[in-house]
PDB file of N, CA and C in Angstrom:
ATOM      1  N   UNK A   1     -30.839  -4.943  10.382  1.00  0.00           N
ATOM      2  CA  UNK A   1     -29.747  -4.510   9.330  1.00  0.00           C
ATOM      3  C   UNK A   1     -29.541  -5.532   8.351  1.00  0.00           C
ATOM      4  N   UNK A   2     -29.290  -5.058   7.301  1.00  0.00           N
ATOM      5  CA  UNK A   2     -28.986  -5.977   6.018  1.00  0.00           C
ATOM      6  C   UNK A   2     -28.131  -5.356   5.073  1.00  0.00           C
ATOM      7  N   UNK A   3     -27.188  -6.141   4.530  1.00  0.00           N
ATOM      8  CA  UNK A   3     -26.307  -5.701   3.534  1.00  0.00           C
ATOM      9  C   UNK A   3     -26.509  -6.749   2.279  1.00  0.00           C
ATOM     10  N   UNK A   4     -26.828  -6.222   1.093  1.00  0.00           N
ATOM     11  CA  UNK A   4     -26.877  -7.076  -0.005  1.00  0.00           C
ATOM     12  C   UNK A   4     -25.767  -6.738  -1.058  1.00  0.00           C
ATOM     13  N   UNK A   5     -24.823  -7.549  -1.178  1.00  0.00           N
ATOM     14  CA  UNK A   5     -23.601  -7.252  -2.096  1.00  0.00           C
ATOM     15  C   UNK A   5     -23.817  -7.930  -3.496  1.00  0.00           C
ATOM     16  N   UNK A   6     -23.271  -7.258  -4.535  1.00  0.00           N
ATOM     17  CA  UNK A   6     -23.342  -7.878  -5.864  1.00  0.00           C
ATOM     18  C   UNK A   6     -22.142  -7.390  -6.569  1.00  0.00           C
ATOM     19  N   UNK A   7     -21.926  -7.835  -7.737  1.00  0.00           N
ATOM     20  CA  UNK A   7     -20.944  -7.294  -8.740  1.00  0.00           C
ATOM     21  C   UNK A   7     -19.736  -8.141  -8.898  1.00  0.00           C
ATOM     22  N   UNK A   8     -19.596  -9.177  -7.909  1.00  0.00           N
ATOM     23  CA  UNK A   8     -18.425 -10.019  -7.982  1.00  0.00           C
ATOM     24  C   UNK A   8     -18.460 -10.834  -9.280  1.00  0.00           C
ATOM     25  N   UNK A   9     -17.483 -11.500  -9.531  1.00  0.00           N
ATOM     26  CA  UNK A   9     -17.363 -12.557 -10.612  1.00  0.00           C
ATOM     27  C   UNK A   9     -16.009 -12.854 -11.034  1.00  0.00           C
ATOM     28  N   UNK A  10     -15.868 -13.422 -12.349  1.00  0.00           N
ATOM     29  CA  UNK A  10     -14.691 -13.902 -12.832  1.00  0.00           C
ATOM     30  C   UNK A  10     -14.102 -12.883 -13.855  1.00  0.00           C
ATOM     31  N   UNK A  11     -12.791 -12.435 -13.774  1.00  0.00           N
ATOM     32  CA  UNK A  11     -12.283 -11.412 -14.691  1.00  0.00           C
ATOM     33  C   UNK A  11     -10.786 -11.888 -14.915  1.00  0.00           C
ATOM     34  N   UNK A  12     -10.307 -11.435 -16.189  1.00  0.00           N
ATOM     35  CA  UNK A  12      -8.932 -11.699 -16.425  1.00  0.00           C
ATOM     36  C   UNK A  12      -8.145 -10.592 -15.949  1.00  0.00           C
ATOM     37  N   UNK A  13      -6.816 -10.793 -15.663  1.00  0.00           N
ATOM     38  CA  UNK A  13      -5.946  -9.799 -15.201  1.00  0.00           C
ATOM     39  C   UNK A  13      -6.093  -8.618 -16.030  1.00  0.00           C
ATOM     40  N   UNK A  14      -5.945  -7.382 -15.353  1.00  0.00           N
ATOM     41  CA  UNK A  14      -6.125  -6.170 -16.126  1.00  0.00           C
ATOM     42  C   UNK A  14      -7.575  -5.711 -16.205  1.00  0.00           C
ATOM     43  N   UNK A  15      -8.479  -6.618 -15.915  1.00  0.00           N
ATOM     44  CA  UNK A  15      -9.958  -6.200 -16.164  1.00  0.00           C
ATOM     45  C   UNK A  15     -10.452  -5.416 -14.993  1.00  0.00           C
ATOM     46  N   UNK A  16     -11.742  -5.118 -15.003  1.00  0.00           N
ATOM     47  CA  UNK A  16     -12.417  -4.341 -14.013  1.00  0.00           C
ATOM     48  C   UNK A  16     -13.733  -4.934 -13.531  1.00  0.00           C
ATOM     49  N   UNK A  17     -14.112  -4.623 -12.356  1.00  0.00           N
ATOM     50  CA  UNK A  17     -15.276  -4.990 -11.631  1.00  0.00           C
ATOM     51  C   UNK A  17     -15.841  -3.804 -10.799  1.00  0.00           C
ATOM     52  N   UNK A  18     -17.134  -3.774 -10.580  1.00  0.00           N
ATOM     53  CA  UNK A  18     -17.685  -2.723  -9.658  1.00  0.00           C
ATOM     54  C   UNK A  18     -18.534  -3.510  -8.830  1.00  0.00           C
ATOM     55  N   UNK A  19     -18.184  -3.499  -7.419  1.00  0.00           N
ATOM     56  CA  UNK A  19     -19.054  -4.029  -6.412  1.00  0.00           C
ATOM     57  C   UNK A  19     -19.929  -3.015  -5.858  1.00  0.00           C
ATOM     58  N   UNK A  20     -21.134  -3.531  -5.505  1.00  0.00           N
ATOM     59  CA  UNK A  20     -22.184  -2.747  -4.748  1.00  0.00           C
ATOM     60  C   UNK A  20     -22.684  -3.403  -3.518  1.00  0.00           C
ATOM     61  N   UNK A  21     -23.010  -2.560  -2.634  1.00  0.00           N
ATOM     62  CA  UNK A  21     -23.441  -3.026  -1.349  1.00  0.00           C
ATOM     63  C   UNK A  21     -24.686  -2.148  -0.856  1.00  0.00           C
ATOM     64  N   UNK A  22     -25.872  -2.717  -0.976  1.00  0.00           N
ATOM     65  CA  UNK A  22     -27.186  -2.025  -0.739  1.00  0.00           C
ATOM     66  C   UNK A  22     -27.402  -2.282   0.745  1.00  0.00           C
ATOM     67  N   UNK A  23     -27.506  -1.182   1.522  1.00  0.00           N
ATOM     68  CA  UNK A  23     -27.850  -1.298   2.995  1.00  0.00           C
ATOM     69  C   UNK A  23     -29.332  -1.086   3.269  1.00  0.00           C
ATOM     70  N   UNK A  24     -29.817  -1.698   4.383  1.00  0.00           N
ATOM     71  CA  UNK A  24     -31.261  -1.329   4.857  1.00  0.00           C
ATOM     72  C   UNK A  24     -31.164  -1.653   6.327  1.00  0.00           C
ATOM     73  N   UNK A  25     -32.214  -1.043   7.035  1.00  0.00           N
ATOM     74  CA  UNK A  25     -32.415  -1.326   8.464  1.00  0.00           C
ATOM     75  C   UNK A  25     -31.810  -0.306   9.339  1.00  0.00           C
ATOM     76  N   UNK A  26     -31.059   0.645   8.759  1.00  0.00           N
ATOM     77  CA  UNK A  26     -30.347   1.778   9.676  1.00  0.00           C
ATOM     78  C   UNK A  26     -30.227   2.978   8.819  1.00  0.00           C
ATOM     79  N   UNK A  27     -29.879   4.121   9.428  1.00  0.00           N
ATOM     80  CA  UNK A  27     -29.809   5.396   8.714  1.00  0.00           C
ATOM     81  C   UNK A  27     -28.397   5.349   8.083  1.00  0.00           C
ATOM     82  N   UNK A  28     -28.424   4.902   6.815  1.00  0.00           N
ATOM     83  CA  UNK A  28     -27.137   4.742   6.097  1.00  0.00           C
ATOM     84  C   UNK A  28     -26.242   5.942   6.122  1.00  0.00           C
ATOM     85  N   UNK A  29     -26.865   7.041   5.821  1.00  0.00           N
ATOM     86  CA  UNK A  29     -26.060   8.296   5.686  1.00  0.00           C
ATOM     87  C   UNK A  29     -25.274   8.788   6.979  1.00  0.00           C
ATOM     88  N   UNK A  30     -25.522   8.127   8.071  1.00  0.00           N
ATOM     89  CA  UNK A  30     -24.983   8.486   9.397  1.00  0.00           C
ATOM     90  C   UNK A  30     -23.621   7.667   9.642  1.00  0.00           C
ATOM     91  N   UNK A  31     -23.324   6.685   8.663  1.00  0.00           N
ATOM     92  CA  UNK A  31     -22.357   5.877   9.160  1.00  0.00           C
ATOM     93  C   UNK A  31     -21.230   5.733   8.124  1.00  0.00           C
ATOM     94  N   UNK A  32     -20.000   5.719   8.468  1.00  0.00           N
ATOM     95  CA  UNK A  32     -18.905   5.368   7.634  1.00  0.00           C
ATOM     96  C   UNK A  32     -19.103   3.803   7.151  1.00  0.00           C
ATOM     97  N   UNK A  33     -18.567   3.527   6.105  1.00  0.00           N
ATOM     98  CA  UNK A  33     -18.759   2.125   5.575  1.00  0.00           C
ATOM     99  C   UNK A  33     -17.300   1.762   4.935  1.00  0.00           C
ATOM    100  N   UNK A  34     -17.157   0.414   5.016  1.00  0.00           N
ATOM    101  CA  UNK A  34     -15.867  -0.063   4.556  1.00  0.00           C
ATOM    102  C   UNK A  34     -16.154  -1.389   3.665  1.00  0.00           C
ATOM    103  N   UNK A  35     -15.015  -1.632   2.930  1.00  0.00           N
ATOM    104  CA  UNK A  35     -14.963  -2.957   2.154  1.00  0.00           C
ATOM    105  C   UNK A  35     -13.794  -3.669   2.735  1.00  0.00           C
ATOM    106  N   UNK A  36     -13.896  -4.903   2.961  1.00  0.00           N
ATOM    107  CA  UNK A  36     -12.890  -5.821   3.403  1.00  0.00           C
ATOM    108  C   UNK A  36     -12.760  -6.938   2.407  1.00  0.00           C
ATOM    109  N   UNK A  37     -11.749  -7.754   2.436  1.00  0.00           N
ATOM    110  CA  UNK A  37     -11.676  -8.889   1.613  1.00  0.00           C
ATOM    111  C   UNK A  37     -10.916  -9.958   2.255  1.00  0.00           C
ATOM    112  N   UNK A  38     -11.188 -11.331   1.919  1.00  0.00           N
ATOM    113  CA  UNK A  38     -10.424 -12.428   2.486  1.00  0.00           C
ATOM    114  C   UNK A  38     -10.046 -13.443   1.501  1.00  0.00           C
ATOM    115  N   UNK A  39      -8.821 -13.553   1.287  1.00  0.00           N
ATOM    116  CA  UNK A  39      -8.274 -14.635   0.227  1.00  0.00           C
ATOM    117  C   UNK A  39      -8.238 -15.948   1.009  1.00  0.00           C
ATOM    118  N   UNK A  40      -8.214 -17.034   0.267  1.00  0.00           N
ATOM    119  CA  UNK A  40      -8.177 -18.347   0.799  1.00  0.00           C
ATOM    120  C   UNK A  40      -6.943 -18.427   1.642  1.00  0.00           C
ATOM    121  N   UNK A  41      -7.123 -18.842   2.949  1.00  0.00           N
ATOM    122  CA  UNK A  41      -5.990 -19.200   3.855  1.00  0.00           C
ATOM    123  C   UNK A  41      -5.267 -17.952   4.408  1.00  0.00           C
ATOM    124  N   UNK A  42      -6.028 -16.745   4.220  1.00  0.00           N
ATOM    125  CA  UNK A  42      -5.480 -15.476   4.773  1.00  0.00           C
ATOM    126  C   UNK A  42      -6.545 -14.854   5.606  1.00  0.00           C
ATOM    127  N   UNK A  43      -6.011 -13.903   6.493  1.00  0.00           N
ATOM    128  CA  UNK A  43      -6.922 -13.225   7.251  1.00  0.00           C
ATOM    129  C   UNK A  43      -7.727 -12.196   6.494  1.00  0.00           C
ATOM    130  N   UNK A  44      -8.884 -11.709   6.914  1.00  0.00           N
ATOM    131  CA  UNK A  44      -9.520 -10.659   6.389  1.00  0.00           C
ATOM    132  C   UNK A  44      -8.815  -9.411   6.477  1.00  0.00           C
ATOM    133  N   UNK A  45      -8.838  -8.522   5.461  1.00  0.00           N
ATOM    134  CA  UNK A  45      -8.051  -7.401   5.556  1.00  0.00           C
ATOM    135  C   UNK A  45      -9.017  -6.140   4.929  1.00  0.00           C
ATOM    136  N   UNK A  46      -8.557  -4.972   5.502  1.00  0.00           N
ATOM    137  CA  UNK A  46      -9.313  -3.744   5.057  1.00  0.00           C
ATOM    138  C   UNK A  46      -8.788  -3.418   3.726  1.00  0.00           C
ATOM    139  N   UNK A  47      -9.843  -3.048   2.829  1.00  0.00           N
ATOM    140  CA  UNK A  47      -9.527  -2.683   1.527  1.00  0.00           C
ATOM    141  C   UNK A  47      -9.711  -1.120   1.347  1.00  0.00           C
ATOM    142  N   UNK A  48     -10.889  -0.650   1.876  1.00  0.00           N
ATOM    143  CA  UNK A  48     -11.132   0.824   1.831  1.00  0.00           C
ATOM    144  C   UNK A  48     -12.113   1.303   2.775  1.00  0.00           C
ATOM    145  N   UNK A  49     -12.234   2.485   3.092  1.00  0.00           N
ATOM    146  CA  UNK A  49     -13.196   3.007   4.015  1.00  0.00           C
ATOM    147  C   UNK A  49     -13.627   4.483   3.488  1.00  0.00           C
ATOM    148  N   UNK A  50     -14.960   4.723   3.761  1.00  0.00           N
ATOM    149  CA  UNK A  50     -15.462   5.936   3.279  1.00  0.00           C
ATOM    150  C   UNK A  50     -16.276   6.678   4.394  1.00  0.00           C
ATOM    151  N   UNK A  51     -16.171   7.842   4.594  1.00  0.00           N
ATOM    152  CA  UNK A  51     -16.932   8.613   5.699  1.00  0.00           C
ATOM    153  C   UNK A  51     -18.400   8.645   5.365  1.00  0.00           C
ATOM    154  N   UNK A  52     -19.094   9.081   6.426  1.00  0.00           N
ATOM    155  CA  UNK A  52     -20.656   8.912   6.171  1.00  0.00           C
ATOM    156  C   UNK A  52     -21.104   9.822   5.078  1.00  0.00           C
ATOM    157  N   UNK A  53     -20.566  10.941   4.854  1.00  0.00           N
ATOM    158  CA  UNK A  53     -21.007  11.818   3.760  1.00  0.00           C
ATOM    159  C   UNK A  53     -20.134  11.620   2.620  1.00  0.00           C
ATOM    160  N   UNK A  54     -19.154  10.815   2.536  1.00  0.00           N
ATOM    161  CA  UNK A  54     -18.320  10.594   1.356  1.00  0.00           C
ATOM    162  C   UNK A  54     -17.200  11.540   1.126  1.00  0.00           C
ATOM    163  N   UNK A  55     -16.878  12.474   1.984  1.00  0.00           N
ATOM    164  CA  UNK A  55     -15.917  13.389   1.837  1.00  0.00           C
ATOM    165  C   UNK A  55     -14.451  13.030   2.075  1.00  0.00           C
ATOM    166  N   UNK A  56     -14.439  11.828   2.754  1.00  0.00           N
ATOM    167  CA  UNK A  56     -13.116  11.269   3.086  1.00  0.00           C
ATOM    168  C   UNK A  56     -12.992   9.846   2.869  1.00  0.00           C
ATOM    169  N   UNK A  57     -11.993   9.423   2.138  1.00  0.00           N
ATOM    170  CA  UNK A  57     -11.810   7.837   1.842  1.00  0.00           C
ATOM    171  C   UNK A  57     -10.340   7.529   2.165  1.00  0.00           C
ATOM    172  N   UNK A  58     -10.173   6.348   2.328  1.00  0.00           N
ATOM    173  CA  UNK A  58      -8.847   5.750   2.667  1.00  0.00           C
ATOM    174  C   UNK A  58      -8.774   4.376   2.004  1.00  0.00           C
ATOM    175  N   UNK A  59      -7.644   4.166   1.322  1.00  0.00           N
ATOM    176  CA  UNK A  59      -7.477   2.897   0.696  1.00  0.00           C
ATOM    177  C   UNK A  59      -6.223   2.132   1.042  1.00  0.00           C
ATOM    178  N   UNK A  60      -6.230   0.823   1.103  1.00  0.00           N
ATOM    179  CA  UNK A  60      -5.169   0.004   1.447  1.00  0.00           C
ATOM    180  C   UNK A  60      -4.012   0.310   0.449  1.00  0.00           C
ATOM    181  N   UNK A  61      -2.723   0.300   0.983  1.00  0.00           N
ATOM    182  CA  UNK A  61      -1.581   0.496  -0.137  1.00  0.00           C
ATOM    183  C   UNK A  61      -1.657  -0.508  -1.214  1.00  0.00           C
ATOM    184  N   UNK A  62      -2.133  -1.762  -0.920  1.00  0.00           N
ATOM    185  CA  UNK A  62      -2.105  -2.696  -2.064  1.00  0.00           C
ATOM    186  C   UNK A  62      -3.095  -2.487  -3.116  1.00  0.00           C
ATOM    187  N   UNK A  63      -4.131  -1.549  -2.912  1.00  0.00           N
ATOM    188  CA  UNK A  63      -5.089  -1.253  -3.951  1.00  0.00           C
ATOM    189  C   UNK A  63      -5.073   0.183  -4.356  1.00  0.00           C
ATOM    190  N   UNK A  64      -4.292   1.060  -3.667  1.00  0.00           N
ATOM    191  CA  UNK A  64      -4.197   2.503  -4.010  1.00  0.00           C
ATOM    192  C   UNK A  64      -3.888   2.737  -5.355  1.00  0.00           C
ATOM    193  N   UNK A  65      -4.726   3.539  -6.174  1.00  0.00           N
ATOM    194  CA  UNK A  65      -4.576   3.894  -7.480  1.00  0.00           C
ATOM    195  C   UNK A  65      -5.247   2.941  -8.425  1.00  0.00           C
ATOM    196  N   UNK A  66      -5.751   1.814  -7.895  1.00  0.00           N
ATOM    197  CA  UNK A  66      -6.411   0.843  -8.692  1.00  0.00           C
ATOM    198  C   UNK A  66      -7.904   0.784  -8.363  1.00  0.00           C
ATOM    199  N   UNK A  67      -8.231   0.807  -6.968  1.00  0.00           N
ATOM    200  CA  UNK A  67      -9.515   0.628  -6.512  1.00  0.00           C
ATOM    201  C   UNK A  67     -10.056   2.152  -6.014  1.00  0.00           C
ATOM    202  N   UNK A  68     -11.392   2.277  -6.074  1.00  0.00           N
ATOM    203  CA  UNK A  68     -11.998   3.474  -5.525  1.00  0.00           C
ATOM    204  C   UNK A  68     -13.330   3.186  -4.787  1.00  0.00           C
ATOM    205  N   UNK A  69     -13.406   3.630  -3.455  1.00  0.00           N
ATOM    206  CA  UNK A  69     -14.557   3.490  -2.833  1.00  0.00           C
ATOM    207  C   UNK A  69     -15.442   4.746  -2.978  1.00  0.00           C
ATOM    208  N   UNK A  70     -16.796   4.539  -3.018  1.00  0.00           N
ATOM    209  CA  UNK A  70     -17.590   5.652  -3.275  1.00  0.00           C
ATOM    210  C   UNK A  70     -19.014   5.288  -2.669  1.00  0.00           C
ATOM    211  N   UNK A  71     -19.866   6.147  -2.479  1.00  0.00           N
ATOM    212  CA  UNK A  71     -21.189   5.931  -2.023  1.00  0.00           C
ATOM    213  C   UNK A  71     -22.322   6.803  -2.539  1.00  0.00           C
ATOM    214  N   UNK A  72     -23.488   6.418  -2.435  1.00  0.00           N
ATOM    215  CA  UNK A  72     -24.717   7.079  -2.903  1.00  0.00           C
ATOM    216  C   UNK A  72     -25.734   6.998  -1.773  1.00  0.00           C
ATOM    217  N   UNK A  73     -25.750   8.033  -0.940  1.00  0.00           N
ATOM    218  CA  UNK A  73     -26.564   8.086   0.243  1.00  0.00           C
ATOM    219  C   UNK A  73     -28.027   7.962  -0.105  1.00  0.00           C
ATOM    220  N   UNK A  74     -28.433   8.550  -1.307  1.00  0.00           N
ATOM    221  CA  UNK A  74     -29.810   8.570  -1.659  1.00  0.00           C
ATOM    222  C   UNK A  74     -30.269   6.990  -2.050  1.00  0.00           C
ATOM    223  N   UNK A  75     -29.161   6.307  -2.414  1.00  0.00           N
ATOM    224  CA  UNK A  75     -29.632   4.883  -2.773  1.00  0.00           C
ATOM    225  C   UNK A  75     -29.140   3.848  -1.745  1.00  0.00           C
ATOM    226  N   UNK A  76     -28.603   4.377  -0.563  1.00  0.00           N
ATOM    227  CA  UNK A  76     -28.077   3.458   0.469  1.00  0.00           C
ATOM    228  C   UNK A  76     -27.101   2.457   0.023  1.00  0.00           C
ATOM    229  N   UNK A  77     -26.347   2.995  -0.826  1.00  0.00           N
ATOM    230  CA  UNK A  77     -25.381   2.064  -1.504  1.00  0.00           C
ATOM    231  C   UNK A  77     -23.926   2.483  -1.355  1.00  0.00           C
ATOM    232  N   UNK A  78     -23.049   1.536  -1.142  1.00  0.00           N
ATOM    233  CA  UNK A  78     -21.634   1.900  -1.147  1.00  0.00           C
ATOM    234  C   UNK A  78     -20.952   0.926  -2.349  1.00  0.00           C
ATOM    235  N   UNK A  79     -20.135   1.490  -3.078  1.00  0.00           N
ATOM    236  CA  UNK A  79     -19.422   0.854  -4.087  1.00  0.00           C
ATOM    237  C   UNK A  79     -17.887   0.651  -3.977  1.00  0.00           C
ATOM    238  N   UNK A  80     -17.447  -0.381  -4.827  1.00  0.00           N
ATOM    239  CA  UNK A  80     -16.012  -0.357  -4.822  1.00  0.00           C
ATOM    240  C   UNK A  80     -15.746  -0.694  -6.491  1.00  0.00           C
ATOM    241  N   UNK A  81     -15.130   0.407  -6.995  1.00  0.00           N
ATOM    242  CA  UNK A  81     -14.732   0.302  -8.375  1.00  0.00           C
ATOM    243  C   UNK A  81     -13.239  -0.415  -8.386  1.00  0.00           C
ATOM    244  N   UNK A  82     -13.094  -1.481  -9.009  1.00  0.00           N
ATOM    245  CA  UNK A  82     -11.728  -2.146  -9.018  1.00  0.00           C
ATOM    246  C   UNK A  82     -11.232  -2.259 -10.468  1.00  0.00           C
ATOM    247  N   UNK A  83     -10.133  -1.627 -10.665  1.00  0.00           N
ATOM    248  CA  UNK A  83      -9.517  -1.544 -12.081  1.00  0.00           C
ATOM    249  C   UNK A  83      -8.157  -2.355 -11.957  1.00  0.00           C
ATOM    250  N   UNK A  84      -7.563  -2.512 -13.108  1.00  0.00           N
ATOM    251  CA  UNK A  84      -6.364  -3.250 -13.278  1.00  0.00           C
ATOM    252  C   UNK A  84      -6.231  -4.469 -12.330  1.00  0.00           C
ATOM    253  N   UNK A  85      -7.145  -5.176 -12.227  1.00  0.00           N
ATOM    254  CA  UNK A  85      -7.218  -6.245 -11.283  1.00  0.00           C
ATOM    255  C   UNK A  85      -6.083  -7.334 -11.611  1.00  0.00           C
ATOM    256  N   UNK A  86      -5.624  -7.861 -10.459  1.00  0.00           N
ATOM    257  CA  UNK A  86      -4.457  -8.707 -10.597  1.00  0.00           C
ATOM    258  C   UNK A  86      -4.886 -10.138  -9.898  1.00  0.00           C
ATOM    259  N   UNK A  87      -4.248 -11.189 -10.018  1.00  0.00           N
ATOM    260  CA  UNK A  87      -4.431 -12.451  -9.400  1.00  0.00           C
ATOM    261  C   UNK A  87      -4.542 -12.332  -7.965  1.00  0.00           C
ATOM    262  N   UNK A  88      -3.696 -11.493  -7.313  1.00  0.00           N
ATOM    263  CA  UNK A  88      -3.532 -11.340  -5.859  1.00  0.00           C
ATOM    264  C   UNK A  88      -4.799 -10.564  -5.276  1.00  0.00           C
ATOM    265  N   UNK A  89      -5.657 -10.092  -6.207  1.00  0.00           N
ATOM    266  CA  UNK A  89      -7.006  -9.540  -5.785  1.00  0.00           C
ATOM    267  C   UNK A  89      -8.094 -10.538  -5.543  1.00  0.00           C
ATOM    268  N   UNK A  90      -7.745 -11.789  -5.805  1.00  0.00           N
ATOM    269  CA  UNK A  90      -8.906 -12.767  -5.760  1.00  0.00           C
ATOM    270  C   UNK A  90      -9.164 -12.984  -4.300  1.00  0.00           C
ATOM    271  N   UNK A  91     -10.370 -12.914  -4.050  1.00  0.00           N
ATOM    272  CA  UNK A  91     -10.970 -12.967  -2.542  1.00  0.00           C
ATOM    273  C   UNK A  91     -12.374 -12.832  -2.495  1.00  0.00           C
ATOM    274  N   UNK A  92     -12.986 -13.081  -1.304  1.00  0.00           N
ATOM    275  CA  UNK A  92     -14.353 -12.757  -1.067  1.00  0.00           C
ATOM    276  C   UNK A  92     -14.331 -11.258  -0.495  1.00  0.00           C
ATOM    277  N   UNK A  93     -15.140 -10.527  -1.050  1.00  0.00           N
ATOM    278  CA  UNK A  93     -15.159  -9.070  -0.645  1.00  0.00           C
ATOM    279  C   UNK A  93     -16.477  -8.816   0.109  1.00  0.00           C
ATOM    280  N   UNK A  94     -16.314  -8.200   1.256  1.00  0.00           N
ATOM    281  CA  UNK A  94     -17.375  -7.882   2.278  1.00  0.00           C
ATOM    282  C   UNK A  94     -17.595  -6.388   2.468  1.00  0.00           C
ATOM    283  N   UNK A  95     -18.716  -5.994   2.579  1.00  0.00           N
ATOM    284  CA  UNK A  95     -18.977  -4.525   3.059  1.00  0.00           C
ATOM    285  C   UNK A  95     -19.186  -4.773   4.613  1.00  0.00           C
ATOM    286  N   UNK A  96     -18.918  -3.723   5.335  1.00  0.00           N
ATOM    287  CA  UNK A  96     -18.862  -3.685   6.687  1.00  0.00           C
ATOM    288  C   UNK A  96     -19.172  -2.377   7.378  1.00  0.00           C
ATOM    289  N   UNK A  97     -19.892  -2.329   8.413  1.00  0.00           N
ATOM    290  CA  UNK A  97     -20.283  -1.076   9.148  1.00  0.00           C
ATOM    291  C   UNK A  97     -19.590  -1.472  10.528  1.00  0.00           C
ATOM    292  N   UNK A  98     -18.556  -0.652  10.888  1.00  0.00           N
ATOM    293  CA  UNK A  98     -17.679  -0.775  12.015  1.00  0.00           C
ATOM    294  C   UNK A  98     -18.546  -0.415  13.326  1.00  0.00           C
ATOM    295  N   UNK A  99     -19.228   0.622  13.255  1.00  0.00           N
ATOM    296  CA  UNK A  99     -20.089   1.063  14.422  1.00  0.00           C
ATOM    297  C   UNK A  99     -21.142  -0.011  14.842  1.00  0.00           C
ATOM    298  N   UNK A 100     -21.748  -0.598  13.887  1.00  0.00           N
ATOM    299  CA  UNK A 100     -22.821  -1.569  14.035  1.00  0.00           C
ATOM    300  C   UNK A 100     -22.212  -3.092  14.186  1.00  0.00           C
ATOM    301  N   UNK A 101     -20.917  -3.224  13.708  1.00  0.00           N
ATOM    302  CA  UNK A 101     -20.219  -4.345  13.672  1.00  0.00           C
ATOM    303  C   UNK A 101     -21.031  -5.394  12.914  1.00  0.00           C
ATOM    304  N   UNK A 102     -21.415  -4.993  11.648  1.00  0.00           N
ATOM    305  CA  UNK A 102     -22.216  -5.784  10.930  1.00  0.00           C
ATOM    306  C   UNK A 102     -21.532  -6.091   9.561  1.00  0.00           C
ATOM    307  N   UNK A 103     -21.479  -7.339   9.049  1.00  0.00           N
ATOM    308  CA  UNK A 103     -20.867  -7.770   7.870  1.00  0.00           C
ATOM    309  C   UNK A 103     -21.953  -8.101   6.830  1.00  0.00           C
ATOM    310  N   UNK A 104     -21.614  -7.842   5.548  1.00  0.00           N
ATOM    311  CA  UNK A 104     -22.412  -8.396   4.492  1.00  0.00           C
ATOM    312  C   UNK A 104     -22.092  -9.890   4.252  1.00  0.00           C
ATOM    313  N   UNK A 105     -22.831 -10.546   3.273  1.00  0.00           N
ATOM    314  CA  UNK A 105     -22.564 -12.042   3.069  1.00  0.00           C
ATOM    315  C   UNK A 105     -21.343 -12.237   2.265  1.00  0.00           C
ATOM    316  N   UNK A 106     -20.799 -11.292   1.579  1.00  0.00           N
ATOM    317  CA  UNK A 106     -19.645 -11.353   0.781  1.00  0.00           C
ATOM    318  C   UNK A 106     -19.948 -11.652  -0.704  1.00  0.00           C
ATOM    319  N   UNK A 107     -19.073 -11.298  -1.525  1.00  0.00           N
ATOM    320  CA  UNK A 107     -19.157 -11.610  -2.991  1.00  0.00           C
ATOM    321  C   UNK A 107     -17.775 -11.997  -3.559  1.00  0.00           C
ATOM    322  N   UNK A 108     -17.797 -13.098  -4.195  1.00  0.00           N
ATOM    323  CA  UNK A 108     -16.540 -13.619  -4.718  1.00  0.00           C
ATOM    324  C   UNK A 108     -15.968 -12.894  -5.969  1.00  0.00           C
ATOM    325  N   UNK A 109     -14.663 -12.533  -5.838  1.00  0.00           N
ATOM    326  CA  UNK A 109     -13.932 -11.965  -7.047  1.00  0.00           C
ATOM    327  C   UNK A 109     -12.839 -12.839  -7.374  1.00  0.00           C
ATOM    328  N   UNK A 110     -12.768 -13.395  -8.612  1.00  0.00           N
ATOM    329  CA  UNK A 110     -11.803 -14.219  -9.063  1.00  0.00           C
ATOM    330  C   UNK A 110     -11.069 -13.594 -10.100  1.00  0.00           C
ATOM    331  N   UNK A 111      -9.760 -13.448 -10.289  1.00  0.00           N
ATOM    332  CA  UNK A 111      -8.911 -12.850 -11.265  1.00  0.00           C
ATOM    333  C   UNK A 111      -8.055 -13.809 -11.712  1.00  0.00           C
ATOM    334  N   UNK A 112      -8.209 -14.416 -13.008  1.00  0.00           N
ATOM    335  CA  UNK A 112      -7.362 -15.508 -13.536  1.00  0.00           C
ATOM    336  C   UNK A 112      -7.427 -15.445 -14.961  1.00  0.00           C
ATOM    337  N   UNK A 113      -6.346 -15.896 -15.604  1.00  0.00           N
ATOM    338  CA  UNK A 113      -6.282 -15.906 -17.016  1.00  0.00           C
ATOM    339  C   UNK A 113      -6.758 -17.416 -17.457  1.00  0.00           C
TER     340      UNK A 113
END
């Protein structure tokens, strides 16, 4: 199993980023996928989760209306579109498969003026 995350970076408040997580080593379309984040000095928290076929999503209250999780099973990829970014969104973002208990390596998102 392998996850390759990308799309993180430095952005000003109010900006946007789109994270990608390309999966391999398992049948991607059979599993729900999640994005988590961990800010410095804080516990890792769930950001969003999407069902195996993408028909059901759930977002944390802190990102609802600003972030959108999606997936493309033909590309074995899960995405996190992040709009209206705020300083409090600064964290390392990880993709995660709960059933396989497998984490990606993380991608840093920094929101600062």
